[in-house]
Every structure is written in C-alpha cells, then in structure tokens.
Amino acid sequence: MQYKHVPPAAVAAILAAGDIAITLLEVPTGRFADRFGHRCSLIVGSAIQVIGMLLCWLAEGVPGLVMASLCVALGDTFRSGADQALLYESCVAAGEPQRFQQIEAKTHSLELIALVALMTIGGAVVETVGFAAAWMLETLLAVAGVVLAATMLTPPCTSDPHSPIPDPPSPTSVPRSPIPALFRLIAPAALIAGAASATTFFAQTSEAASPTYLTVVVGAITLAEAAGAMLARYLSATVTTQYVLLGVSAVCGISMVIAPGVFAGGVVLLTLLAGAAEPLRATAIQVMVDRRRAEAASWASALDGGIRTLFLLAAGAAHGRRGVSRP
C-alpha cells in the first residue's frame, strides 16, 4: 500500500488470488515433480520464485502485482512436496529411511525460527534503507535458492522418475489411487492447522490488542510451532498419533470456548500441536504412499489451504456477530 500506492482492497484481492492459485496448482505441480524429477521441480520452482520477487520489486500497478503474486504461488507449489520426496528418497538411498522424520522435523523448526529472524531483518532494512533494498535482498535470497536446488543430487537409484526407490515394507501402504485413504492420512494435520489459524485470528483482533501485545503473540505462536516441530522428532509417525493430536486439539478448543480465561494458552497449545502434526504427516506420507509421493504431499498442502480458508471465514463471521472491533 505504501510503496506501490495500491488500495487496501486491492492488496487483499491480490493476496487472495495467490492463496487460491496455490490451492489449485498444488496437485498438478506435484504430478510434475513425480513425472520429471523432484530436483527438477525444485529448480523450476526456485527460478519462478526469482521472477516473482523481481515483479514484486519492479512491477507497477495492480496487474503487475497480481502477476507477482501468481509467480510466487507457482514457485511455492513446484517446491511443495518435491522437497520432502527428494529428502525421503535420499534417506532411503543412504540406507537410513528412519532419518527422514528427524531431519524434516528439525528443518521445519529451524525454518520457522529463521522466518522470524528474516522478518525482523526485513523490517529493519525497510525502515533504515527503503523498500527497494529489501526487495533486492529478497531477490538475492531467491537466486541463492536456485543455486542450492541446482547443487542438489538425485539419488542414483531414482535417476529414472519412472523407477522410484522401493519402499520399506509397510502393511499400511496407501494404494496408487488413494483419495479416501489419503484423505484419512492428511486430514488430521489440516484440521489442527485450521483451528490454530482461526484462534490466532481471534487473538490478533481482540480489543486488547496493541503493538506490543501483537508482537508477543506472533513471537509466541511462531516459537510454539517451532517447538512442536522439534517435539515431532520423538513421536511415532503413525496415523493413530495424528488422530490423538487431533483429539487433544478438540479438547483444547472446547476448553477455550467454555473457559475464555485459558484462551491465550489455548492458542499457543494449538499452534504447538499444529507444528508437531506437520512433520508427522510428512513422514507418514513418504512411508505409506507407494508412489507419487510429491503429489500426495501436494494434496496435503492443498487441503491445508482449503480448510484454513474455511476456518478463517468462519472465524471472521463469528468475529462480526460478536461485534468485536479491530484495534
């Protein structure tokens, strides 16, 4: 709004267009990754991300920013799922498939912590130097992503995308066309994440919200999610574990409604549970899906986006009925 002089309504529409694009593009790009190679998908996604950053920096007007948002969404979807599939196949090729859960959980946690640090640095750069400098640094980071993706290696036994690594024996493998079974596998984490998003929305739009309050809330939520991801390293990556986490989340949500005094603690707990559920689901997908792992992970991301949108719409409607005004 400040740098590009775009109306707030247009900003909201542009962000919504990006979210919708991610939901629609997740599965097709997941199929691309399984068909042409996960490393190839990472390179393509990272290259498109560079274009998106350049458009964010240099494009003018609403059409330019819409193109930037769509490029960022397309880049995200090309990488989504492909990273996890490449990591799992690398672990299997190294003879240590059990390391996937440890690496995925640790990486997810560090990613969240780095996100907070980068947002802080970005804000400082904008305040001290200007928006152009921040976008330039963002573009350079995206270029670094292309270089990193290009230096990754495809495991030798998966050089042919039609000959995936044999899975370790699993009596609960999801079949090749697994929509009902896959939904049962990916739904719990999506529901937990949706509930966490909705309660976070309420926390950020309460009458008591102030800049200091919001800073503490956002920091606590992000750190709680990172802590949950670290906790996932010590949990069993089974469907049962995910449904146990979903049950705990349901109890937490009911408690927040019955006893508003525990609302703040409930938001943090729900976010922690969401952080733990994501790596567990990622591990379950890689182990239990026989083929098309990137596509299965993309279905999970698409479901996350759809449920999160529904939960936020419901939260917004409830927010309006209660007559709570934004700070």
C-alpha atoms as a PDB file:
ATOM      1  CA  MET A   1       0.000   0.000   0.000  1.00  0.00           C
ATOM      2  CA  GLN A   2       2.801   2.426   0.853  1.00  0.00           C
ATOM      3  CA  TYR A   3       5.459   1.543  -1.708  1.00  0.00           C
ATOM      4  CA  LYS A   4       3.215   0.717  -4.672  1.00  0.00           C
ATOM      5  CA  HIS A   5       0.292   3.010  -3.739  1.00  0.00           C
ATOM      6  CA  VAL A   6      -2.226   0.192  -4.078  1.00  0.00           C
ATOM      7  CA  PRO A   7      -5.599   0.409  -2.248  1.00  0.00           C
ATOM      8  CA  PRO A   8      -6.092  -1.949   0.729  1.00  0.00           C
ATOM      9  CA  ALA A   9      -8.959  -3.757  -1.033  1.00  0.00           C
ATOM     10  CA  ALA A  10      -6.695  -4.481  -3.999  1.00  0.00           C
ATOM     11  CA  VAL A  11      -3.980  -5.795  -1.679  1.00  0.00           C
ATOM     12  CA  ALA A  12      -6.485  -8.188  -0.083  1.00  0.00           C
ATOM     13  CA  ALA A  13      -7.652  -9.361  -3.524  1.00  0.00           C
ATOM     14  CA  ILE A  14      -4.060  -9.905  -4.692  1.00  0.00           C
ATOM     15  CA  LEU A  15      -3.215 -11.973  -1.600  1.00  0.00           C
ATOM     16  CA  ALA A  16      -6.426 -13.977  -2.020  1.00  0.00           C
ATOM     17  CA  ALA A  17      -5.561 -14.649  -5.667  1.00  0.00           C
ATOM     18  CA  GLY A  18      -2.205 -16.034  -4.579  1.00  0.00           C
ATOM     19  CA  ASP A  19      -3.809 -18.311  -1.984  1.00  0.00           C
ATOM     20  CA  ILE A  20      -6.364 -19.603  -4.490  1.00  0.00           C
ATOM     21  CA  ALA A  21      -3.621 -20.219  -7.049  1.00  0.00           C
ATOM     22  CA  ILE A  22      -1.630 -22.254  -4.521  1.00  0.00           C
ATOM     23  CA  THR A  23      -4.654 -24.436  -3.762  1.00  0.00           C
ATOM     24  CA  LEU A  24      -5.399 -25.025  -7.469  1.00  0.00           C
ATOM     25  CA  LEU A  25      -1.788 -25.594  -8.562  1.00  0.00           C
ATOM     26  CA  GLU A  26      -0.595 -27.868  -5.737  1.00  0.00           C
ATOM     27  CA  VAL A  27      -1.646 -31.188  -7.263  1.00  0.00           C
ATOM     28  CA  PRO A  28      -0.636 -30.516 -10.924  1.00  0.00           C
ATOM     29  CA  THR A  29       2.833 -29.372  -9.858  1.00  0.00           C
ATOM     30  CA  GLY A  30       3.120 -32.376  -7.549  1.00  0.00           C
ATOM     31  CA  ARG A  31       2.454 -34.630 -10.519  1.00  0.00           C
ATOM     32  CA  PHE A  32       5.101 -32.716 -12.477  1.00  0.00           C
ATOM     33  CA  ALA A  33       7.630 -33.407  -9.708  1.00  0.00           C
ATOM     34  CA  ASP A  34       6.871 -37.133  -9.696  1.00  0.00           C
ATOM     35  CA  ARG A  35       6.960 -37.295 -13.501  1.00  0.00           C
ATOM     36  CA  PHE A  36      10.064 -35.231 -14.297  1.00  0.00           C
ATOM     37  CA  GLY A  37      12.030 -35.485 -11.058  1.00  0.00           C
ATOM     38  CA  HIS A  38      11.900 -33.827  -7.667  1.00  0.00           C
ATOM     39  CA  ARG A  39      15.203 -31.983  -8.101  1.00  0.00           C
ATOM     40  CA  CYS A  40      13.983 -30.612 -11.440  1.00  0.00           C
ATOM     41  CA  SER A  41      10.795 -29.371  -9.760  1.00  0.00           C
ATOM     42  CA  LEU A  42      12.824 -27.627  -7.051  1.00  0.00           C
ATOM     43  CA  ILE A  43      14.948 -25.859  -9.670  1.00  0.00           C
ATOM     44  CA  VAL A  44      11.917 -24.771 -11.698  1.00  0.00           C
ATOM     45  CA  GLY A  45      10.077 -23.540  -8.609  1.00  0.00           C
ATOM     46  CA  SER A  46      13.085 -21.605  -7.352  1.00  0.00           C
ATOM     47  CA  ALA A  47      13.613 -19.972 -10.770  1.00  0.00           C
ATOM     48  CA  ILE A  48       9.958 -18.894 -10.903  1.00  0.00           C
ATOM     49  CA  GLN A  49      10.365 -17.528  -7.385  1.00  0.00           C
ATOM     50  CA  VAL A  50      13.132 -15.216  -8.644  1.00  0.00           C
ATOM     51  CA  ILE A  51      10.781 -13.894 -11.340  1.00  0.00           C
ATOM     52  CA  GLY A  52       8.103 -13.338  -8.696  1.00  0.00           C
ATOM     53  CA  MET A  53      10.492 -11.376  -6.495  1.00  0.00           C
ATOM     54  CA  LEU A  54      11.594  -9.207  -9.433  1.00  0.00           C
ATOM     55  CA  LEU A  55       7.952  -8.465 -10.225  1.00  0.00           C
ATOM     56  CA  CYS A  56       7.244  -7.603  -6.582  1.00  0.00           C
ATOM     57  CA  TRP A  57      10.185  -5.206  -6.730  1.00  0.00           C
ATOM     58  CA  LEU A  58       9.837  -3.657 -10.193  1.00  0.00           C
ATOM     59  CA  ALA A  59       6.256  -4.216 -11.397  1.00  0.00           C
ATOM     60  CA  GLU A  60       3.813  -1.315 -11.192  1.00  0.00           C
ATOM     61  CA  GLY A  61       0.092  -1.250 -10.602  1.00  0.00           C
ATOM     62  CA  VAL A  62      -2.377  -3.956  -9.694  1.00  0.00           C
ATOM     63  CA  PRO A  63      -1.791  -6.129 -12.828  1.00  0.00           C
ATOM     64  CA  GLY A  64       1.948  -6.291 -12.141  1.00  0.00           C
ATOM     65  CA  LEU A  65       1.426  -7.252  -8.516  1.00  0.00           C
ATOM     66  CA  VAL A  66      -1.151  -9.889  -9.480  1.00  0.00           C
ATOM     67  CA  MET A  67       1.447 -11.456 -11.782  1.00  0.00           C
ATOM     68  CA  ALA A  68       3.998 -11.278  -8.958  1.00  0.00           C
ATOM     69  CA  SER A  69       1.613 -12.992  -6.537  1.00  0.00           C
ATOM     70  CA  LEU A  70       0.822 -15.734  -9.053  1.00  0.00           C
ATOM     71  CA  CYS A  71       4.519 -16.325  -9.758  1.00  0.00           C
ATOM     72  CA  VAL A  72       5.259 -16.629  -6.038  1.00  0.00           C
ATOM     73  CA  ALA A  73       2.353 -19.080  -5.703  1.00  0.00           C
ATOM     74  CA  LEU A  74       3.544 -21.136  -8.698  1.00  0.00           C
ATOM     75  CA  GLY A  75       7.097 -21.237  -7.348  1.00  0.00           C
ATOM     76  CA  ASP A  76       5.834 -22.371  -3.955  1.00  0.00           C
ATOM     77  CA  THR A  77       3.761 -25.190  -5.429  1.00  0.00           C
ATOM     78  CA  PHE A  78       6.619 -26.513  -7.589  1.00  0.00           C
ATOM     79  CA  ARG A  79       8.748 -26.850  -4.453  1.00  0.00           C
ATOM     80  CA  SER A  80       5.941 -28.079  -2.189  1.00  0.00           C
ATOM     81  CA  GLY A  81       6.133 -31.846  -1.805  1.00  0.00           C
ATOM     82  CA  ALA A  82       9.158 -32.177  -4.084  1.00  0.00           C
ATOM     83  CA  ASP A  83      11.500 -31.239  -1.234  1.00  0.00           C
ATOM     84  CA  GLN A  84      10.090 -33.890   1.091  1.00  0.00           C
ATOM     85  CA  ALA A  85      10.063 -36.571  -1.604  1.00  0.00           C
ATOM     86  CA  LEU A  86      13.684 -35.860  -2.565  1.00  0.00           C
ATOM     87  CA  LEU A  87      14.749 -35.931   1.088  1.00  0.00           C
ATOM     88  CA  TYR A  88      12.989 -39.240   1.756  1.00  0.00           C
ATOM     89  CA  GLU A  89      14.417 -40.902  -1.339  1.00  0.00           C
ATOM     90  CA  SER A  90      17.875 -39.646  -0.369  1.00  0.00           C
ATOM     91  CA  CYS A  91      17.483 -41.151   3.108  1.00  0.00           C
ATOM     92  CA  VAL A  92      16.345 -44.465   1.605  1.00  0.00           C
ATOM     93  CA  ALA A  93      19.240 -44.451  -0.860  1.00  0.00           C
ATOM     94  CA  ALA A  94      21.619 -43.898   2.077  1.00  0.00           C
ATOM     95  CA  GLY A  95      20.056 -46.867   3.856  1.00  0.00           C
ATOM     96  CA  GLU A  96      18.589 -44.691   6.641  1.00  0.00           C
ATOM     97  CA  PRO A  97      14.911 -44.025   5.868  1.00  0.00           C
ATOM     98  CA  GLN A  98      14.232 -43.532   9.584  1.00  0.00           C
ATOM     99  CA  ARG A  99      16.264 -40.305   9.490  1.00  0.00           C
ATOM    100  CA  PHE A 100      13.622 -38.561   7.373  1.00  0.00           C
ATOM    101  CA  GLN A 101      11.400 -37.748  10.346  1.00  0.00           C
ATOM    102  CA  GLN A 102      14.314 -36.367  12.356  1.00  0.00           C
ATOM    103  CA  ILE A 103      15.571 -34.173   9.512  1.00  0.00           C
ATOM    104  CA  GLU A 104      12.112 -32.995   8.443  1.00  0.00           C
ATOM    105  CA  ALA A 105      11.108 -32.041  11.999  1.00  0.00           C
ATOM    106  CA  LYS A 106      14.364 -30.233  12.703  1.00  0.00           C
ATOM    107  CA  THR A 107      14.280 -28.411   9.356  1.00  0.00           C
ATOM    108  CA  HIS A 108      10.665 -27.297   9.848  1.00  0.00           C
ATOM    109  CA  SER A 109      11.529 -25.929  13.279  1.00  0.00           C
ATOM    110  CA  LEU A 110      14.618 -24.060  12.056  1.00  0.00           C
ATOM    111  CA  GLU A 111      12.641 -22.704   9.107  1.00  0.00           C
ATOM    112  CA  LEU A 112      10.103 -21.095  11.452  1.00  0.00           C
ATOM    113  CA  ILE A 113      12.818 -19.575  13.621  1.00  0.00           C
ATOM    114  CA  ALA A 114      14.605 -18.251  10.531  1.00  0.00           C
ATOM    115  CA  LEU A 115      11.320 -16.778   9.303  1.00  0.00           C
ATOM    116  CA  VAL A 116      11.019 -14.664  12.443  1.00  0.00           C
ATOM    117  CA  ALA A 117      14.627 -13.513  12.096  1.00  0.00           C
ATOM    118  CA  LEU A 118      14.238 -12.633   8.412  1.00  0.00           C
ATOM    119  CA  MET A 119      11.003 -10.707   9.034  1.00  0.00           C
ATOM    120  CA  THR A 120      12.784  -8.698  11.727  1.00  0.00           C
ATOM    121  CA  ILE A 121      15.743  -8.013   9.450  1.00  0.00           C
ATOM    122  CA  GLY A 122      13.440  -7.105   6.569  1.00  0.00           C
ATOM    123  CA  GLY A 123      11.548  -4.597   8.681  1.00  0.00           C
ATOM    124  CA  ALA A 124      14.817  -3.008   9.805  1.00  0.00           C
ATOM    125  CA  VAL A 125      16.072  -2.770   6.204  1.00  0.00           C
ATOM    126  CA  VAL A 126      12.852  -1.087   5.058  1.00  0.00           C
ATOM    127  CA  GLU A 127      12.959   1.410   7.935  1.00  0.00           C
ATOM    128  CA  THR A 128      16.628   2.296   7.510  1.00  0.00           C
ATOM    129  CA  VAL A 129      17.287   1.925   3.763  1.00  0.00           C
ATOM    130  CA  GLY A 130      13.963   1.534   1.977  1.00  0.00           C
ATOM    131  CA  PHE A 131      11.667  -0.920   0.253  1.00  0.00           C
ATOM    132  CA  ALA A 132      13.882  -1.279  -2.826  1.00  0.00           C
ATOM    133  CA  ALA A 133      16.789  -2.543  -0.726  1.00  0.00           C
ATOM    134  CA  ALA A 134      14.547  -5.107   0.959  1.00  0.00           C
ATOM    135  CA  TRP A 135      13.252  -6.396  -2.377  1.00  0.00           C
ATOM    136  CA  MET A 136      16.798  -6.566  -3.739  1.00  0.00           C
ATOM    137  CA  LEU A 137      17.853  -8.729  -0.783  1.00  0.00           C
ATOM    138  CA  GLU A 138      14.732 -10.849  -1.224  1.00  0.00           C
ATOM    139  CA  THR A 139      15.620 -11.403  -4.883  1.00  0.00           C
ATOM    140  CA  LEU A 140      19.190 -12.357  -3.984  1.00  0.00           C
ATOM    141  CA  LEU A 141      17.879 -14.910  -1.477  1.00  0.00           C
ATOM    142  CA  ALA A 142      15.664 -16.360  -4.209  1.00  0.00           C
ATOM    143  CA  VAL A 143      18.679 -16.603  -6.539  1.00  0.00           C
ATOM    144  CA  ALA A 144      20.540 -18.416  -3.754  1.00  0.00           C
ATOM    145  CA  GLY A 145      17.616 -20.858  -3.695  1.00  0.00           C
ATOM    146  CA  VAL A 146      18.111 -21.625  -7.392  1.00  0.00           C
ATOM    147  CA  VAL A 147      21.814 -22.276  -6.809  1.00  0.00           C
ATOM    148  CA  LEU A 148      21.102 -24.570  -3.850  1.00  0.00           C
ATOM    149  CA  ALA A 149      18.484 -26.515  -5.797  1.00  0.00           C
ATOM    150  CA  ALA A 150      20.879 -26.926  -8.732  1.00  0.00           C
ATOM    151  CA  THR A 151      23.629 -28.301  -6.493  1.00  0.00           C
ATOM    152  CA  MET A 152      21.364 -30.989  -5.004  1.00  0.00           C
ATOM    153  CA  LEU A 153      21.798 -34.568  -6.224  1.00  0.00           C
ATOM    154  CA  THR A 154      19.197 -37.061  -7.330  1.00  0.00           C
ATOM    155  CA  PRO A 155      19.738 -40.422  -5.578  1.00  0.00           C
ATOM    156  CA  PRO A 156      21.340 -42.820  -8.098  1.00  0.00           C
ATOM    157  CA  CYS A 157      18.535 -45.368  -7.962  1.00  0.00           C
ATOM    158  CA  THR A 158      15.924 -42.673  -8.700  1.00  0.00           C
ATOM    159  CA  SER A 159      17.575 -41.102 -11.734  1.00  0.00           C
ATOM    160  CA  ASP A 160      14.670 -42.542 -13.752  1.00  0.00           C
ATOM    161  CA  PRO A 161      11.474 -40.916 -12.463  1.00  0.00           C
ATOM    162  CA  HIS A 162       9.525 -43.992 -13.570  1.00  0.00           C
ATOM    163  CA  SER A 163      11.588 -46.253 -11.299  1.00  0.00           C
ATOM    164  CA  PRO A 164      11.157 -44.956  -7.757  1.00  0.00           C
ATOM    165  CA  ILE A 165      13.096 -46.354  -4.826  1.00  0.00           C
ATOM    166  CA  PRO A 166      11.442 -49.458  -3.411  1.00  0.00           C
ATOM    167  CA  ASP A 167       9.655 -48.611  -0.209  1.00  0.00           C
ATOM    168  CA  PRO A 168      10.492 -50.342   3.042  1.00  0.00           C
ATOM    169  CA  PRO A 169       7.829 -52.941   3.790  1.00  0.00           C
ATOM    170  CA  SER A 170       4.698 -51.309   5.179  1.00  0.00           C
ATOM    171  CA  PRO A 171       1.464 -53.183   5.904  1.00  0.00           C
ATOM    172  CA  THR A 172      -0.440 -49.890   5.791  1.00  0.00           C
ATOM    173  CA  SER A 173       0.765 -48.569   2.421  1.00  0.00           C
ATOM    174  CA  VAL A 174      -1.707 -46.295   0.668  1.00  0.00           C
ATOM    175  CA  PRO A 175      -2.675 -47.637  -2.795  1.00  0.00           C
ATOM    176  CA  ARG A 176      -1.777 -45.914  -6.061  1.00  0.00           C
ATOM    177  CA  SER A 177      -5.201 -44.170  -6.319  1.00  0.00           C
ATOM    178  CA  PRO A 178      -5.585 -43.331  -2.666  1.00  0.00           C
ATOM    179  CA  ILE A 179      -8.078 -40.472  -2.392  1.00  0.00           C
ATOM    180  CA  PRO A 180     -10.188 -41.836   0.551  1.00  0.00           C
ATOM    181  CA  ALA A 181      -7.218 -43.451   2.321  1.00  0.00           C
ATOM    182  CA  LEU A 182      -5.006 -40.451   1.630  1.00  0.00           C
ATOM    183  CA  PHE A 183      -7.642 -38.084   2.999  1.00  0.00           C
ATOM    184  CA  ARG A 184      -7.712 -40.013   6.277  1.00  0.00           C
ATOM    185  CA  LEU A 185      -3.946 -39.712   6.381  1.00  0.00           C
ATOM    186  CA  ILE A 186      -3.679 -35.966   5.721  1.00  0.00           C
ATOM    187  CA  ALA A 187      -6.899 -34.594   7.259  1.00  0.00           C
ATOM    188  CA  PRO A 188      -5.921 -34.500  10.979  1.00  0.00           C
ATOM    189  CA  ALA A 189      -2.961 -32.135  10.496  1.00  0.00           C
ATOM    190  CA  ALA A 190      -5.046 -29.912   8.196  1.00  0.00           C
ATOM    191  CA  LEU A 191      -7.837 -29.658  10.773  1.00  0.00           C
ATOM    192  CA  ILE A 192      -5.384 -28.841  13.573  1.00  0.00           C
ATOM    193  CA  ALA A 193      -3.714 -26.162  11.437  1.00  0.00           C
ATOM    194  CA  GLY A 194      -7.101 -24.693  10.530  1.00  0.00           C
ATOM    195  CA  ALA A 195      -8.128 -24.480  14.186  1.00  0.00           C
ATOM    196  CA  ALA A 196      -4.796 -22.871  15.077  1.00  0.00           C
ATOM    197  CA  SER A 197      -5.255 -20.276  12.305  1.00  0.00           C
ATOM    198  CA  ALA A 198      -8.775 -19.423  13.451  1.00  0.00           C
ATOM    199  CA  THR A 199      -7.829 -18.963  17.099  1.00  0.00           C
ATOM    200  CA  THR A 200      -4.767 -16.949  16.095  1.00  0.00           C
ATOM    201  CA  PHE A 201      -7.086 -14.671  14.120  1.00  0.00           C
ATOM    202  CA  PHE A 202      -9.153 -14.040  17.254  1.00  0.00           C
ATOM    203  CA  ALA A 203      -6.016 -13.397  19.306  1.00  0.00           C
ATOM    204  CA  GLN A 204      -4.762 -10.817  16.804  1.00  0.00           C
ATOM    205  CA  THR A 205      -8.092  -8.980  16.510  1.00  0.00           C
ATOM    206  CA  SER A 206      -9.117  -8.700  20.149  1.00  0.00           C
ATOM    207  CA  GLU A 207      -9.965  -5.323  21.673  1.00  0.00           C
ATOM    208  CA  ALA A 208      -6.949  -5.662  23.980  1.00  0.00           C
ATOM    209  CA  ALA A 209      -4.543  -5.928  21.067  1.00  0.00           C
ATOM    210  CA  SER A 210      -1.740  -3.378  20.986  1.00  0.00           C
ATOM    211  CA  PRO A 211       1.513  -3.309  19.003  1.00  0.00           C
ATOM    212  CA  THR A 212       3.399  -4.808  21.952  1.00  0.00           C
ATOM    213  CA  TYR A 213       0.675  -7.404  22.511  1.00  0.00           C
ATOM    214  CA  LEU A 214       0.691  -8.414  18.838  1.00  0.00           C
ATOM    215  CA  THR A 215       4.479  -8.683  18.809  1.00  0.00           C
ATOM    216  CA  VAL A 216       4.385 -11.013  21.803  1.00  0.00           C
ATOM    217  CA  VAL A 217       1.518 -13.055  20.326  1.00  0.00           C
ATOM    218  CA  VAL A 218       3.169 -13.522  16.927  1.00  0.00           C
ATOM    219  CA  GLY A 219       6.511 -14.390  18.521  1.00  0.00           C
ATOM    220  CA  ALA A 220       4.958 -16.851  20.978  1.00  0.00           C
ATOM    221  CA  ILE A 221       2.899 -18.512  18.249  1.00  0.00           C
ATOM    222  CA  THR A 222       5.849 -18.934  15.915  1.00  0.00           C
ATOM    223  CA  LEU A 223       8.108 -20.280  18.652  1.00  0.00           C
ATOM    224  CA  ALA A 224       5.339 -22.642  19.809  1.00  0.00           C
ATOM    225  CA  GLU A 225       5.018 -24.042  16.293  1.00  0.00           C
ATOM    226  CA  ALA A 226       8.800 -24.463  16.124  1.00  0.00           C
ATOM    227  CA  ALA A 227       8.749 -26.241  19.493  1.00  0.00           C
ATOM    228  CA  GLY A 228       6.006 -28.532  18.205  1.00  0.00           C
ATOM    229  CA  ALA A 229       8.109 -29.426  15.173  1.00  0.00           C
ATOM    230  CA  MET A 230      11.025 -30.319  17.436  1.00  0.00           C
ATOM    231  CA  LEU A 231       8.677 -32.423  19.569  1.00  0.00           C
ATOM    232  CA  ALA A 232       7.684 -34.380  16.467  1.00  0.00           C
ATOM    233  CA  ARG A 233      11.181 -35.864  16.362  1.00  0.00           C
ATOM    234  CA  TYR A 234      10.273 -38.004  19.393  1.00  0.00           C
ATOM    235  CA  LEU A 235       6.747 -39.075  18.384  1.00  0.00           C
ATOM    236  CA  SER A 236       5.668 -42.055  16.329  1.00  0.00           C
ATOM    237  CA  ALA A 237       4.760 -41.058  12.766  1.00  0.00           C
ATOM    238  CA  THR A 238       1.574 -43.101  12.581  1.00  0.00           C
ATOM    239  CA  VAL A 239      -1.975 -42.173  11.648  1.00  0.00           C
ATOM    240  CA  THR A 240      -3.017 -43.010  15.213  1.00  0.00           C
ATOM    241  CA  THR A 241      -0.639 -40.404  16.616  1.00  0.00           C
ATOM    242  CA  GLN A 242      -2.110 -37.770  14.319  1.00  0.00           C
ATOM    243  CA  TYR A 243      -5.635 -38.539  15.457  1.00  0.00           C
ATOM    244  CA  VAL A 244      -4.524 -38.400  19.099  1.00  0.00           C
ATOM    245  CA  LEU A 245      -3.153 -34.901  18.429  1.00  0.00           C
ATOM    246  CA  LEU A 246      -6.468 -34.028  16.738  1.00  0.00           C
ATOM    247  CA  GLY A 247      -8.362 -35.220  19.824  1.00  0.00           C
ATOM    248  CA  VAL A 248      -6.180 -33.117  22.120  1.00  0.00           C
ATOM    249  CA  SER A 249      -6.787 -30.140  19.819  1.00  0.00           C
ATOM    250  CA  ALA A 250     -10.553 -30.665  20.015  1.00  0.00           C
ATOM    251  CA  VAL A 251     -10.432 -30.759  23.823  1.00  0.00           C
ATOM    252  CA  CYS A 252      -8.301 -27.617  23.790  1.00  0.00           C
ATOM    253  CA  GLY A 253     -10.765 -25.812  21.513  1.00  0.00           C
ATOM    254  CA  ILE A 254     -13.754 -26.768  23.659  1.00  0.00           C
ATOM    255  CA  SER A 255     -11.917 -25.605  26.785  1.00  0.00           C
ATOM    256  CA  MET A 256     -11.235 -22.227  25.152  1.00  0.00           C
ATOM    257  CA  VAL A 257     -14.943 -21.771  24.487  1.00  0.00           C
ATOM    258  CA  ILE A 258     -16.045 -22.861  27.973  1.00  0.00           C
ATOM    259  CA  ALA A 259     -13.308 -21.005  29.871  1.00  0.00           C
ATOM    260  CA  PRO A 260     -12.245 -17.837  27.980  1.00  0.00           C
ATOM    261  CA  GLY A 261      -9.559 -17.240  30.592  1.00  0.00           C
ATOM    262  CA  VAL A 262      -7.451 -20.019  29.071  1.00  0.00           C
ATOM    263  CA  PHE A 263      -7.771 -18.614  25.532  1.00  0.00           C
ATOM    264  CA  ALA A 264      -4.200 -17.291  25.229  1.00  0.00           C
ATOM    265  CA  GLY A 265      -2.692 -20.550  26.480  1.00  0.00           C
ATOM    266  CA  GLY A 266      -5.012 -22.485  24.178  1.00  0.00           C
ATOM    267  CA  VAL A 267      -3.802 -20.557  21.136  1.00  0.00           C
ATOM    268  CA  VAL A 268      -0.196 -21.405  21.968  1.00  0.00           C
ATOM    269  CA  LEU A 269      -1.054 -25.075  22.588  1.00  0.00           C
ATOM    270  CA  LEU A 270      -2.997 -25.408  19.333  1.00  0.00           C
ATOM    271  CA  THR A 271      -0.083 -23.876  17.435  1.00  0.00           C
ATOM    272  CA  LEU A 272       2.329 -26.271  19.136  1.00  0.00           C
ATOM    273  CA  LEU A 273       0.126 -29.218  18.137  1.00  0.00           C
ATOM    274  CA  ALA A 274      -0.031 -27.927  14.547  1.00  0.00           C
ATOM    275  CA  GLY A 275       3.761 -27.695  14.487  1.00  0.00           C
ATOM    276  CA  ALA A 276       4.046 -31.298  15.671  1.00  0.00           C
ATOM    277  CA  ALA A 277       1.410 -32.659  13.286  1.00  0.00           C
ATOM    278  CA  GLU A 278       3.014 -31.369  10.079  1.00  0.00           C
ATOM    279  CA  PRO A 279       6.325 -33.339  10.223  1.00  0.00           C
ATOM    280  CA  LEU A 280       4.467 -36.446  11.409  1.00  0.00           C
ATOM    281  CA  ARG A 281       2.133 -36.230   8.438  1.00  0.00           C
ATOM    282  CA  ALA A 282       5.052 -35.625   6.071  1.00  0.00           C
ATOM    283  CA  THR A 283       6.764 -38.750   7.366  1.00  0.00           C
ATOM    284  CA  ALA A 284       3.594 -40.831   7.134  1.00  0.00           C
ATOM    285  CA  ILE A 285       3.054 -39.728   3.529  1.00  0.00           C
ATOM    286  CA  GLN A 286       6.575 -40.655   2.447  1.00  0.00           C
ATOM    287  CA  VAL A 287       6.492 -44.052   4.181  1.00  0.00           C
ATOM    288  CA  MET A 288       2.917 -45.128   3.392  1.00  0.00           C
ATOM    289  CA  VAL A 289       2.397 -43.833  -0.138  1.00  0.00           C
ATOM    290  CA  ASP A 290       3.839 -46.324  -2.621  1.00  0.00           C
ATOM    291  CA  ARG A 291       4.367 -43.880  -5.487  1.00  0.00           C
ATOM    292  CA  ARG A 292       3.693 -40.265  -6.449  1.00  0.00           C
ATOM    293  CA  ARG A 293       4.935 -39.010  -3.109  1.00  0.00           C
ATOM    294  CA  ALA A 294       5.235 -35.392  -4.216  1.00  0.00           C
ATOM    295  CA  GLU A 295       1.654 -35.447  -5.473  1.00  0.00           C
ATOM    296  CA  ALA A 296       0.436 -36.871  -2.170  1.00  0.00           C
ATOM    297  CA  ALA A 297       2.281 -34.136  -0.263  1.00  0.00           C
ATOM    298  CA  SER A 298       0.729 -31.591  -2.622  1.00  0.00           C
ATOM    299  CA  TRP A 299      -2.742 -32.920  -1.833  1.00  0.00           C
ATOM    300  CA  ALA A 300      -1.917 -32.351   1.834  1.00  0.00           C
ATOM    301  CA  SER A 301      -0.875 -28.744   1.180  1.00  0.00           C
ATOM    302  CA  ALA A 302      -3.983 -28.103  -0.919  1.00  0.00           C
ATOM    303  CA  LEU A 303      -6.204 -29.483   1.834  1.00  0.00           C
ATOM    304  CA  ASP A 304      -4.377 -27.292   4.359  1.00  0.00           C
ATOM    305  CA  GLY A 305      -5.172 -24.206   2.284  1.00  0.00           C
ATOM    306  CA  GLY A 306      -8.820 -25.114   1.794  1.00  0.00           C
ATOM    307  CA  ILE A 307      -9.513 -25.924   5.436  1.00  0.00           C
ATOM    308  CA  ARG A 308      -7.564 -22.894   6.655  1.00  0.00           C
ATOM    309  CA  THR A 309      -9.669 -20.668   4.401  1.00  0.00           C
ATOM    310  CA  LEU A 310     -12.928 -22.188   5.664  1.00  0.00           C
ATOM    311  CA  PHE A 311     -11.864 -21.850   9.308  1.00  0.00           C
ATOM    312  CA  LEU A 312     -10.800 -18.238   8.817  1.00  0.00           C
ATOM    313  CA  LEU A 313     -14.072 -17.381   7.057  1.00  0.00           C
ATOM    314  CA  ALA A 314     -15.998 -18.948   9.949  1.00  0.00           C
ATOM    315  CA  ALA A 315     -13.842 -17.070  12.458  1.00  0.00           C
ATOM    316  CA  GLY A 316     -14.431 -13.812  10.607  1.00  0.00           C
ATOM    317  CA  ALA A 317     -18.191 -14.389  10.620  1.00  0.00           C
ATOM    318  CA  ALA A 318     -18.166 -15.204  14.342  1.00  0.00           C
ATOM    319  CA  HIS A 319     -15.961 -12.175  14.953  1.00  0.00           C
ATOM    320  CA  GLY A 320     -18.535  -9.951  13.237  1.00  0.00           C
ATOM    321  CA  ARG A 321     -21.510 -11.435  15.148  1.00  0.00           C
ATOM    322  CA  ARG A 322     -19.778 -10.810  18.439  1.00  0.00           C
ATOM    323  CA  GLY A 323     -19.269  -7.204  17.451  1.00  0.00           C
ATOM    324  CA  VAL A 324     -15.561  -7.263  18.223  1.00  0.00           C
ATOM    325  CA  SER A 325     -13.803  -4.365  16.592  1.00  0.00           C
ATOM    326  CA  ARG A 326     -10.324  -4.449  15.185  1.00  0.00           C
ATOM    327  CA  PRO A 327      -7.709  -2.458  17.105  1.00  0.00           C
END
